[in-house]
Amino acid sequence: MSESRPIEVGFRKPPDTPRPGPTVRARPTHVAGGVARPRSDVLVTEEPLEIRVHHRDVEHQVTVTMRTPGNDFELAAGFLFAEGIVRAREDIVTVSYCKSGPPEQLYNIVTVELAAAASFDPGEIQRNFATTSACGVCGKASLDAVAVRAHPLPDGPQIDADLVARLPDLLRAKQKLFDKTGGLHAAGIFDGAGHLQLVREDVGRHNAVDKAVGAMLLAGTLPARDRILQVSGRASFEIMQKALAAGIPITCSVSAPSSLAVELAERFNMTLAGFVRGDAYNVYAGPSRIRFASS
């Protein structure tokens, strides 16, 4: 991507509005051997985030998603990019908390202001759908819809077969919030040598990917044609759609892919590996990008 102006980020901050953190304390009753004792625990925070788009003096509500607070601007940018509402980094002028809204919801509303020249069609969001941390872009799982704004990825790069097997452990070692709570998904972006470029965690696996893609979008490093996406959950259609939008050719998952995820990978020349556990995994699409040892 060509060099462009920096994107402004910020928010108005009422002094009495606390900012939610990614974790909260809890005091459950722990039962072992029939004996109950008080215990301290750490839970992952789950709160709604409303994403809005401001274009030519008109504000549009896009969606509400349940997320773990943190990297909210990346989440909003990544989600809008995957949906085709934002098509390039240059479309974004500012990303801010609570451009308009009640002060108590300051940190639960993100407004993305688009450039006047941005190609934005309000009709794309008239459905005004609401997503959850578990469903992603429900109701739009159509390969033909994706094909309207995406093309098959070019061939390459190639990576060693043993690198795929090592990715889950490399990602897990950097999941700091998971260590505290045991209740988050993660998305890691790696280069072809297995170096972790960034990791994002969230209660929703789709949100984690949106945060990672949003980070690259705001940094001006898309398309990510030489990167690998490792996810901590299953590989769904929505996960593969987001990877395709970002130009990521290789996606690896510790769990199963869905049938539509495999179809999307095959149609758009993507590599998809699933059940990556220990030293074994299945390659469901695009095996030519993986260098296998001689049998």
C-alpha atoms as a PDB file:
ATOM      1  CA  MET A   1       0.000   0.000   0.000  1.00  0.00           C
ATOM      2  CA  SER A   2       1.253   3.449  -0.845  1.00  0.00           C
ATOM      3  CA  GLU A   3       2.302   5.877   1.857  1.00  0.00           C
ATOM      4  CA  SER A   4      -0.637   7.939   3.137  1.00  0.00           C
ATOM      5  CA  ARG A   5      -1.550  10.412   5.832  1.00  0.00           C
ATOM      6  CA  PRO A   6      -1.871   9.170   9.431  1.00  0.00           C
ATOM      7  CA  ILE A   7      -5.344   8.388  10.721  1.00  0.00           C
ATOM      8  CA  GLU A   8      -6.454  10.454  13.678  1.00  0.00           C
ATOM      9  CA  VAL A   9      -7.742   8.583  16.696  1.00  0.00           C
ATOM     10  CA  GLY A  10      -9.220  10.044  19.830  1.00  0.00           C
ATOM     11  CA  PHE A  11     -12.313  10.606  21.944  1.00  0.00           C
ATOM     12  CA  ARG A  12     -14.035  13.096  24.213  1.00  0.00           C
ATOM     13  CA  LYS A  13     -13.601  11.994  27.799  1.00  0.00           C
ATOM     14  CA  PRO A  14     -16.024  12.918  30.582  1.00  0.00           C
ATOM     15  CA  PRO A  15     -13.969  12.841  33.799  1.00  0.00           C
ATOM     16  CA  ASP A  16     -16.381  10.511  35.600  1.00  0.00           C
ATOM     17  CA  THR A  17     -16.537   7.813  32.919  1.00  0.00           C
ATOM     18  CA  PRO A  18     -14.444   4.762  33.872  1.00  0.00           C
ATOM     19  CA  ARG A  19     -12.838   2.877  31.033  1.00  0.00           C
ATOM     20  CA  PRO A  20     -13.630  -0.858  31.052  1.00  0.00           C
ATOM     21  CA  GLY A  21     -10.693  -3.230  31.180  1.00  0.00           C
ATOM     22  CA  PRO A  22     -10.299  -6.618  29.491  1.00  0.00           C
ATOM     23  CA  THR A  23     -10.805  -8.492  32.768  1.00  0.00           C
ATOM     24  CA  VAL A  24     -12.913  -8.207  35.931  1.00  0.00           C
ATOM     25  CA  ARG A  25     -12.585  -9.780  39.372  1.00  0.00           C
ATOM     26  CA  ALA A  26     -15.082 -12.351  40.619  1.00  0.00           C
ATOM     27  CA  ARG A  27     -15.627 -14.146  43.942  1.00  0.00           C
ATOM     28  CA  PRO A  28     -17.047 -17.590  43.118  1.00  0.00           C
ATOM     29  CA  THR A  29     -17.618 -20.387  45.596  1.00  0.00           C
ATOM     30  CA  HIS A  30     -15.168 -23.179  44.838  1.00  0.00           C
ATOM     31  CA  VAL A  31     -16.398 -26.698  45.594  1.00  0.00           C
ATOM     32  CA  ALA A  32     -13.985 -29.629  45.918  1.00  0.00           C
ATOM     33  CA  GLY A  33     -14.829 -32.947  47.554  1.00  0.00           C
ATOM     34  CA  GLY A  34     -18.181 -31.499  48.604  1.00  0.00           C
ATOM     35  CA  VAL A  35     -16.501 -28.709  50.586  1.00  0.00           C
ATOM     36  CA  ALA A  36     -17.279 -25.118  49.591  1.00  0.00           C
ATOM     37  CA  ARG A  37     -14.754 -22.320  49.983  1.00  0.00           C
ATOM     38  CA  PRO A  38     -14.680 -18.712  48.747  1.00  0.00           C
ATOM     39  CA  ARG A  39     -12.272 -18.118  45.908  1.00  0.00           C
ATOM     40  CA  SER A  40     -10.936 -15.200  43.859  1.00  0.00           C
ATOM     41  CA  ASP A  41     -11.132 -15.477  40.079  1.00  0.00           C
ATOM     42  CA  VAL A  42     -10.514 -13.368  36.987  1.00  0.00           C
ATOM     43  CA  LEU A  43     -13.123 -13.258  34.226  1.00  0.00           C
ATOM     44  CA  VAL A  44     -12.850 -11.949  30.697  1.00  0.00           C
ATOM     45  CA  THR A  45     -14.918  -8.779  30.203  1.00  0.00           C
ATOM     46  CA  GLU A  46     -17.747  -8.945  27.687  1.00  0.00           C
ATOM     47  CA  GLU A  47     -19.474  -5.694  26.730  1.00  0.00           C
ATOM     48  CA  PRO A  48     -21.322  -4.408  23.662  1.00  0.00           C
ATOM     49  CA  LEU A  49     -19.590  -2.238  21.103  1.00  0.00           C
ATOM     50  CA  GLU A  50     -21.678  -0.191  18.706  1.00  0.00           C
ATOM     51  CA  ILE A  51     -19.912   0.602  15.435  1.00  0.00           C
ATOM     52  CA  ARG A  52     -21.005   3.717  13.545  1.00  0.00           C
ATOM     53  CA  VAL A  53     -19.980   5.295  10.255  1.00  0.00           C
ATOM     54  CA  HIS A  54     -19.970   9.071   9.754  1.00  0.00           C
ATOM     55  CA  HIS A  55     -20.013  10.151   6.107  1.00  0.00           C
ATOM     56  CA  ARG A  56     -20.800  13.572   4.650  1.00  0.00           C
ATOM     57  CA  ASP A  57     -22.396  14.851   7.879  1.00  0.00           C
ATOM     58  CA  VAL A  58     -24.650  11.807   8.255  1.00  0.00           C
ATOM     59  CA  GLU A  59     -24.100   9.165  10.933  1.00  0.00           C
ATOM     60  CA  HIS A  60     -25.112   5.560  10.324  1.00  0.00           C
ATOM     61  CA  GLN A  61     -25.335   2.767  12.863  1.00  0.00           C
ATOM     62  CA  VAL A  62     -23.707  -0.334  11.376  1.00  0.00           C
ATOM     63  CA  THR A  63     -23.757  -3.049  14.021  1.00  0.00           C
ATOM     64  CA  VAL A  64     -23.506  -3.983  17.671  1.00  0.00           C
ATOM     65  CA  THR A  65     -21.111  -6.765  18.630  1.00  0.00           C
ATOM     66  CA  MET A  66     -20.236  -8.270  21.977  1.00  0.00           C
ATOM     67  CA  ARG A  67     -16.502  -7.916  22.543  1.00  0.00           C
ATOM     68  CA  THR A  68     -13.685  -7.751  25.051  1.00  0.00           C
ATOM     69  CA  PRO A  69     -12.738  -4.058  25.561  1.00  0.00           C
ATOM     70  CA  GLY A  70      -9.366  -3.181  24.067  1.00  0.00           C
ATOM     71  CA  ASN A  71      -8.186  -2.472  20.512  1.00  0.00           C
ATOM     72  CA  ASP A  72     -11.694  -1.183  19.798  1.00  0.00           C
ATOM     73  CA  PHE A  73     -10.580   1.088  16.957  1.00  0.00           C
ATOM     74  CA  GLU A  74      -8.881  -1.849  15.242  1.00  0.00           C
ATOM     75  CA  LEU A  75     -11.997  -3.964  15.721  1.00  0.00           C
ATOM     76  CA  ALA A  76     -14.204  -1.320  14.101  1.00  0.00           C
ATOM     77  CA  ALA A  77     -11.817  -0.725  11.203  1.00  0.00           C
ATOM     78  CA  GLY A  78     -11.266  -4.435  10.599  1.00  0.00           C
ATOM     79  CA  PHE A  79     -14.974  -5.223  10.699  1.00  0.00           C
ATOM     80  CA  LEU A  80     -15.851  -2.435   8.259  1.00  0.00           C
ATOM     81  CA  PHE A  81     -13.034  -3.505   5.943  1.00  0.00           C
ATOM     82  CA  ALA A  82     -14.160  -7.138   5.900  1.00  0.00           C
ATOM     83  CA  GLU A  83     -17.699  -5.986   5.167  1.00  0.00           C
ATOM     84  CA  GLY A  84     -16.569  -3.854   2.224  1.00  0.00           C
ATOM     85  CA  ILE A  85     -17.833  -0.636   3.828  1.00  0.00           C
ATOM     86  CA  VAL A  86     -14.228   0.570   4.147  1.00  0.00           C
ATOM     87  CA  ARG A  87     -12.262  -0.332   1.027  1.00  0.00           C
ATOM     88  CA  ALA A  88      -8.883   1.224   1.748  1.00  0.00           C
ATOM     89  CA  ARG A  89      -6.992   2.893   4.559  1.00  0.00           C
ATOM     90  CA  GLU A  90      -7.442   6.224   2.782  1.00  0.00           C
ATOM     91  CA  ASP A  91     -11.213   5.967   3.270  1.00  0.00           C
ATOM     92  CA  ILE A  92     -10.778   6.561   7.014  1.00  0.00           C
ATOM     93  CA  VAL A  93     -10.318  10.104   8.344  1.00  0.00           C
ATOM     94  CA  THR A  94     -10.765   9.540  12.077  1.00  0.00           C
ATOM     95  CA  VAL A  95     -11.684   6.769  14.484  1.00  0.00           C
ATOM     96  CA  SER A  96     -13.089   7.976  17.793  1.00  0.00           C
ATOM     97  CA  TYR A  97     -15.049   6.953  20.829  1.00  0.00           C
ATOM     98  CA  CYS A  98     -18.540   8.348  21.234  1.00  0.00           C
ATOM     99  CA  LYS A  99     -18.668  10.983  18.486  1.00  0.00           C
ATOM    100  CA  SER A 100     -22.271  11.394  19.555  1.00  0.00           C
ATOM    101  CA  GLY A 101     -24.077   9.481  22.256  1.00  0.00           C
ATOM    102  CA  PRO A 102     -24.683   9.314  26.013  1.00  0.00           C
ATOM    103  CA  PRO A 103     -21.558   9.912  28.137  1.00  0.00           C
ATOM    104  CA  GLU A 104     -22.072   6.674  30.067  1.00  0.00           C
ATOM    105  CA  GLN A 105     -21.648   4.762  26.795  1.00  0.00           C
ATOM    106  CA  LEU A 106     -18.430   6.582  25.860  1.00  0.00           C
ATOM    107  CA  TYR A 107     -16.289   3.483  25.529  1.00  0.00           C
ATOM    108  CA  ASN A 108     -19.014   1.326  23.997  1.00  0.00           C
ATOM    109  CA  ILE A 109     -19.519   3.393  20.832  1.00  0.00           C
ATOM    110  CA  VAL A 110     -16.898   3.815  18.102  1.00  0.00           C
ATOM    111  CA  THR A 111     -17.453   6.148  15.171  1.00  0.00           C
ATOM    112  CA  VAL A 112     -15.402   5.788  12.003  1.00  0.00           C
ATOM    113  CA  GLU A 113     -15.450   8.975   9.944  1.00  0.00           C
ATOM    114  CA  LEU A 114     -15.056   8.348   6.246  1.00  0.00           C
ATOM    115  CA  ALA A 115     -13.510  10.709   3.732  1.00  0.00           C
ATOM    116  CA  ALA A 116     -16.036  12.582   1.615  1.00  0.00           C
ATOM    117  CA  ALA A 117     -14.614  10.905  -1.475  1.00  0.00           C
ATOM    118  CA  ALA A 118     -14.952   7.396  -0.026  1.00  0.00           C
ATOM    119  CA  SER A 119     -17.101   5.035  -2.052  1.00  0.00           C
ATOM    120  CA  PHE A 120     -19.805   4.471   0.545  1.00  0.00           C
ATOM    121  CA  ASP A 121     -23.280   3.117  -0.078  1.00  0.00           C
ATOM    122  CA  PRO A 122     -25.623   3.500   2.918  1.00  0.00           C
ATOM    123  CA  GLY A 123     -27.788   0.792   1.376  1.00  0.00           C
ATOM    124  CA  GLU A 124     -25.165  -1.766   2.366  1.00  0.00           C
ATOM    125  CA  ILE A 125     -25.999  -1.266   6.030  1.00  0.00           C
ATOM    126  CA  GLN A 126     -29.742  -0.626   5.823  1.00  0.00           C
ATOM    127  CA  ARG A 127     -30.329  -4.112   7.142  1.00  0.00           C
ATOM    128  CA  ASN A 128     -28.877  -2.747  10.422  1.00  0.00           C
ATOM    129  CA  PHE A 129     -28.014  -6.224  11.604  1.00  0.00           C
ATOM    130  CA  ALA A 130     -26.749  -7.071  15.068  1.00  0.00           C
ATOM    131  CA  THR A 131     -23.959  -9.590  15.490  1.00  0.00           C
ATOM    132  CA  THR A 132     -22.859 -11.470  18.551  1.00  0.00           C
ATOM    133  CA  SER A 133     -19.467 -12.689  19.636  1.00  0.00           C
ATOM    134  CA  ALA A 134     -20.397 -16.123  18.279  1.00  0.00           C
ATOM    135  CA  CYS A 135     -22.044 -15.471  14.917  1.00  0.00           C
ATOM    136  CA  GLY A 136     -19.990 -12.946  12.961  1.00  0.00           C
ATOM    137  CA  VAL A 137     -21.730 -11.875   9.758  1.00  0.00           C
ATOM    138  CA  CYS A 138     -24.800 -14.077  10.061  1.00  0.00           C
ATOM    139  CA  GLY A 139     -27.215 -14.192   7.130  1.00  0.00           C
ATOM    140  CA  LYS A 140     -24.655 -13.252   4.485  1.00  0.00           C
ATOM    141  CA  ALA A 141     -22.711 -16.487   4.104  1.00  0.00           C
ATOM    142  CA  SER A 142     -22.723 -16.469   0.320  1.00  0.00           C
ATOM    143  CA  LEU A 143     -19.748 -17.188  -1.892  1.00  0.00           C
ATOM    144  CA  ASP A 144     -21.313 -15.166  -4.684  1.00  0.00           C
ATOM    145  CA  ALA A 145     -21.635 -12.148  -2.388  1.00  0.00           C
ATOM    146  CA  VAL A 146     -17.935 -12.396  -1.521  1.00  0.00           C
ATOM    147  CA  ALA A 147     -17.014 -12.742  -5.203  1.00  0.00           C
ATOM    148  CA  VAL A 148     -18.560  -9.346  -5.950  1.00  0.00           C
ATOM    149  CA  ARG A 149     -15.631  -7.579  -4.259  1.00  0.00           C
ATOM    150  CA  ALA A 150     -12.881 -10.210  -4.063  1.00  0.00           C
ATOM    151  CA  HIS A 151     -10.667 -12.095  -6.486  1.00  0.00           C
ATOM    152  CA  PRO A 152      -8.640 -15.295  -6.094  1.00  0.00           C
ATOM    153  CA  LEU A 153      -5.319 -14.721  -4.389  1.00  0.00           C
ATOM    154  CA  PRO A 154      -2.075 -15.143  -6.334  1.00  0.00           C
ATOM    155  CA  ASP A 155       0.027 -18.266  -5.847  1.00  0.00           C
ATOM    156  CA  GLY A 156       2.625 -18.399  -3.052  1.00  0.00           C
ATOM    157  CA  PRO A 157       4.244 -18.040  -0.660  1.00  0.00           C
ATOM    158  CA  GLN A 158       5.475 -21.479   0.447  1.00  0.00           C
ATOM    159  CA  ILE A 159       6.133 -22.475   4.051  1.00  0.00           C
ATOM    160  CA  ASP A 160       7.597 -25.581   5.675  1.00  0.00           C
ATOM    161  CA  ALA A 161       5.185 -28.257   6.848  1.00  0.00           C
ATOM    162  CA  ASP A 162       6.645 -28.305  10.356  1.00  0.00           C
ATOM    163  CA  LEU A 163       5.997 -24.572  10.775  1.00  0.00           C
ATOM    164  CA  VAL A 164       2.244 -25.137  10.509  1.00  0.00           C
ATOM    165  CA  ALA A 165       2.448 -27.636  13.366  1.00  0.00           C
ATOM    166  CA  ARG A 166       4.325 -25.139  15.562  1.00  0.00           C
ATOM    167  CA  LEU A 167       1.995 -22.185  15.082  1.00  0.00           C
ATOM    168  CA  PRO A 168      -0.565 -23.005  17.829  1.00  0.00           C
ATOM    169  CA  ASP A 169       2.121 -23.183  20.511  1.00  0.00           C
ATOM    170  CA  LEU A 170       3.784 -20.001  19.242  1.00  0.00           C
ATOM    171  CA  LEU A 171       0.428 -18.207  19.447  1.00  0.00           C
ATOM    172  CA  ARG A 172      -0.525 -19.703  22.801  1.00  0.00           C
ATOM    173  CA  ALA A 173       2.737 -18.458  24.350  1.00  0.00           C
ATOM    174  CA  LYS A 174       1.658 -14.866  23.620  1.00  0.00           C
ATOM    175  CA  GLN A 175      -1.949 -15.088  24.857  1.00  0.00           C
ATOM    176  CA  LYS A 176      -1.529 -12.988  27.981  1.00  0.00           C
ATOM    177  CA  LEU A 177      -5.237 -12.514  28.702  1.00  0.00           C
ATOM    178  CA  PHE A 178      -5.955 -16.212  28.203  1.00  0.00           C
ATOM    179  CA  ASP A 179      -3.387 -16.974  30.897  1.00  0.00           C
ATOM    180  CA  LYS A 180      -5.446 -14.872  33.314  1.00  0.00           C
ATOM    181  CA  THR A 181      -8.948 -15.954  32.333  1.00  0.00           C
ATOM    182  CA  GLY A 182      -8.889 -19.087  30.168  1.00  0.00           C
ATOM    183  CA  GLY A 183     -11.808 -17.586  28.256  1.00  0.00           C
ATOM    184  CA  LEU A 184     -10.593 -15.835  25.119  1.00  0.00           C
ATOM    185  CA  HIS A 185      -9.979 -16.589  21.479  1.00  0.00           C
ATOM    186  CA  ALA A 186      -6.882 -15.349  19.707  1.00  0.00           C
ATOM    187  CA  ALA A 187      -5.774 -14.487  16.189  1.00  0.00           C
ATOM    188  CA  GLY A 188      -2.077 -14.343  15.379  1.00  0.00           C
ATOM    189  CA  ILE A 189      -0.414 -12.962  12.268  1.00  0.00           C
ATOM    190  CA  PHE A 190       2.890 -14.677  11.388  1.00  0.00           C
ATOM    191  CA  ASP A 191       5.434 -14.220   8.650  1.00  0.00           C
ATOM    192  CA  GLY A 192       6.695 -17.115   6.539  1.00  0.00           C
ATOM    193  CA  ALA A 193       9.536 -17.833   8.969  1.00  0.00           C
ATOM    194  CA  GLY A 194       7.159 -18.232  11.911  1.00  0.00           C
ATOM    195  CA  HIS A 195       7.814 -14.861  13.538  1.00  0.00           C
ATOM    196  CA  LEU A 196       4.717 -13.526  15.266  1.00  0.00           C
ATOM    197  CA  GLN A 197       3.889 -10.075  13.895  1.00  0.00           C
ATOM    198  CA  LEU A 198       0.882  -9.341  16.094  1.00  0.00           C
ATOM    199  CA  VAL A 199      -1.669 -11.081  18.276  1.00  0.00           C
ATOM    200  CA  ARG A 200      -5.157  -9.976  19.283  1.00  0.00           C
ATOM    201  CA  GLU A 201      -7.469 -11.603  21.836  1.00  0.00           C
ATOM    202  CA  ASP A 202     -11.211 -11.335  22.279  1.00  0.00           C
ATOM    203  CA  VAL A 203     -14.165 -13.234  23.678  1.00  0.00           C
ATOM    204  CA  GLY A 204     -15.309 -13.632  20.054  1.00  0.00           C
ATOM    205  CA  ARG A 205     -13.100 -15.409  17.548  1.00  0.00           C
ATOM    206  CA  HIS A 206     -14.403 -13.191  14.726  1.00  0.00           C
ATOM    207  CA  ASN A 207     -13.595 -10.087  16.761  1.00  0.00           C
ATOM    208  CA  ALA A 208     -10.037 -11.290  17.336  1.00  0.00           C
ATOM    209  CA  VAL A 209      -9.532 -11.577  13.572  1.00  0.00           C
ATOM    210  CA  ASP A 210     -11.159  -8.179  12.970  1.00  0.00           C
ATOM    211  CA  LYS A 211      -8.779  -6.618  15.499  1.00  0.00           C
ATOM    212  CA  ALA A 212      -5.770  -8.183  13.779  1.00  0.00           C
ATOM    213  CA  VAL A 213      -6.930  -7.123  10.314  1.00  0.00           C
ATOM    214  CA  GLY A 214      -7.846  -3.678  11.600  1.00  0.00           C
ATOM    215  CA  ALA A 215      -4.365  -3.256  13.084  1.00  0.00           C
ATOM    216  CA  MET A 216      -2.803  -3.991   9.698  1.00  0.00           C
ATOM    217  CA  LEU A 217      -5.273  -1.746   7.892  1.00  0.00           C
ATOM    218  CA  LEU A 218      -4.549   1.230  10.164  1.00  0.00           C
ATOM    219  CA  ALA A 219      -0.807   0.552   9.882  1.00  0.00           C
ATOM    220  CA  GLY A 220      -1.017   0.529   6.089  1.00  0.00           C
ATOM    221  CA  THR A 221       0.295  -3.047   5.695  1.00  0.00           C
ATOM    222  CA  LEU A 222      -2.560  -4.560   3.683  1.00  0.00           C
ATOM    223  CA  PRO A 223      -2.813  -6.644   1.585  1.00  0.00           C
ATOM    224  CA  ALA A 224      -0.915  -9.172   3.707  1.00  0.00           C
ATOM    225  CA  ARG A 225       0.082 -11.473   0.851  1.00  0.00           C
ATOM    226  CA  ASP A 226       3.065 -12.970   2.710  1.00  0.00           C
ATOM    227  CA  ARG A 227       1.368 -13.583   6.046  1.00  0.00           C
ATOM    228  CA  ILE A 228      -0.196 -16.529   7.880  1.00  0.00           C
ATOM    229  CA  LEU A 229      -3.302 -16.322  10.076  1.00  0.00           C
ATOM    230  CA  GLN A 230      -3.445 -18.718  13.034  1.00  0.00           C
ATOM    231  CA  VAL A 231      -6.727 -18.845  14.964  1.00  0.00           C
ATOM    232  CA  SER A 232      -7.444 -20.518  18.291  1.00  0.00           C
ATOM    233  CA  GLY A 233     -10.920 -21.739  17.348  1.00  0.00           C
ATOM    234  CA  ARG A 234     -12.562 -23.339  14.355  1.00  0.00           C
ATOM    235  CA  ALA A 235     -12.231 -21.988  10.824  1.00  0.00           C
ATOM    236  CA  SER A 236     -15.627 -20.691   9.745  1.00  0.00           C
ATOM    237  CA  PHE A 237     -16.774 -19.032   6.535  1.00  0.00           C
ATOM    238  CA  GLU A 238     -16.577 -15.653   8.258  1.00  0.00           C
ATOM    239  CA  ILE A 239     -12.976 -16.216   9.352  1.00  0.00           C
ATOM    240  CA  MET A 240     -11.960 -17.113   5.806  1.00  0.00           C
ATOM    241  CA  GLN A 241     -13.862 -14.144   4.394  1.00  0.00           C
ATOM    242  CA  LYS A 242     -11.927 -11.786   6.659  1.00  0.00           C
ATOM    243  CA  ALA A 243      -8.622 -13.437   5.712  1.00  0.00           C
ATOM    244  CA  LEU A 244      -9.498 -13.096   2.024  1.00  0.00           C
ATOM    245  CA  ALA A 245     -10.359  -9.419   2.406  1.00  0.00           C
ATOM    246  CA  ALA A 246      -6.960  -8.873   4.030  1.00  0.00           C
ATOM    247  CA  GLY A 247      -5.180 -10.819   1.284  1.00  0.00           C
ATOM    248  CA  ILE A 248      -3.870 -13.445   3.739  1.00  0.00           C
ATOM    249  CA  PRO A 249      -3.138 -16.617   1.732  1.00  0.00           C
ATOM    250  CA  ILE A 250      -2.724 -19.173   4.553  1.00  0.00           C
ATOM    251  CA  THR A 251      -5.100 -19.769   7.462  1.00  0.00           C
ATOM    252  CA  CYS A 252      -4.492 -22.390  10.143  1.00  0.00           C
ATOM    253  CA  SER A 253      -6.894 -23.495  12.864  1.00  0.00           C
ATOM    254  CA  VAL A 254      -6.613 -25.755  15.885  1.00  0.00           C
ATOM    255  CA  SER A 255     -10.129 -26.986  15.253  1.00  0.00           C
ATOM    256  CA  ALA A 256     -12.383 -28.001  12.362  1.00  0.00           C
ATOM    257  CA  PRO A 257     -13.251 -25.933   9.317  1.00  0.00           C
ATOM    258  CA  SER A 258     -16.813 -25.660   8.085  1.00  0.00           C
ATOM    259  CA  SER A 259     -17.809 -26.914   4.640  1.00  0.00           C
ATOM    260  CA  LEU A 260     -18.364 -23.375   3.375  1.00  0.00           C
ATOM    261  CA  ALA A 261     -14.962 -22.276   4.718  1.00  0.00           C
ATOM    262  CA  VAL A 262     -13.337 -25.002   2.624  1.00  0.00           C
ATOM    263  CA  GLU A 263     -15.387 -24.028  -0.441  1.00  0.00           C
ATOM    264  CA  LEU A 264     -14.333 -20.404  -0.064  1.00  0.00           C
ATOM    265  CA  ALA A 265     -10.666 -21.375   0.307  1.00  0.00           C
ATOM    266  CA  GLU A 266     -10.803 -23.554  -2.800  1.00  0.00           C
ATOM    267  CA  ARG A 267     -12.616 -20.946  -4.885  1.00  0.00           C
ATOM    268  CA  PHE A 268     -10.274 -18.097  -3.967  1.00  0.00           C
ATOM    269  CA  ASN A 269      -6.948 -19.984  -4.042  1.00  0.00           C
ATOM    270  CA  MET A 270      -6.368 -19.933  -0.301  1.00  0.00           C
ATOM    271  CA  THR A 271      -4.620 -22.490   1.887  1.00  0.00           C
ATOM    272  CA  LEU A 272      -6.620 -23.826   4.832  1.00  0.00           C
ATOM    273  CA  ALA A 273      -5.243 -26.191   7.481  1.00  0.00           C
ATOM    274  CA  GLY A 274      -7.411 -27.535  10.294  1.00  0.00           C
ATOM    275  CA  PHE A 275      -7.037 -29.672  13.414  1.00  0.00           C
ATOM    276  CA  VAL A 276      -3.485 -28.355  13.846  1.00  0.00           C
ATOM    277  CA  ARG A 277      -2.553 -30.217  17.018  1.00  0.00           C
ATOM    278  CA  GLY A 278       0.790 -31.687  18.020  1.00  0.00           C
ATOM    279  CA  ASP A 279       2.668 -32.668  14.872  1.00  0.00           C
ATOM    280  CA  ALA A 280      -0.431 -33.478  12.800  1.00  0.00           C
ATOM    281  CA  TYR A 281      -3.032 -31.520  10.844  1.00  0.00           C
ATOM    282  CA  ASN A 282      -5.300 -31.702   7.796  1.00  0.00           C
ATOM    283  CA  VAL A 283      -4.847 -29.490   4.725  1.00  0.00           C
ATOM    284  CA  TYR A 284      -8.307 -28.875   3.279  1.00  0.00           C
ATOM    285  CA  ALA A 285      -7.346 -26.468   0.476  1.00  0.00           C
ATOM    286  CA  GLY A 286      -4.228 -25.054  -1.180  1.00  0.00           C
ATOM    287  CA  PRO A 287      -1.607 -27.718  -0.297  1.00  0.00           C
ATOM    288  CA  SER A 288       0.805 -26.268  -2.886  1.00  0.00           C
ATOM    289  CA  ARG A 289       1.819 -23.533  -0.411  1.00  0.00           C
ATOM    290  CA  ILE A 290       3.193 -26.109   2.050  1.00  0.00           C
ATOM    291  CA  ARG A 291       6.546 -27.847   1.557  1.00  0.00           C
ATOM    292  CA  PHE A 292       6.072 -31.421   2.798  1.00  0.00           C
ATOM    293  CA  ALA A 293       8.876 -33.747   3.864  1.00  0.00           C
ATOM    294  CA  SER A 294       9.586 -36.658   1.539  1.00  0.00           C
ATOM    295  CA  SER A 295       7.576 -39.728   2.504  1.00  0.00           C
END
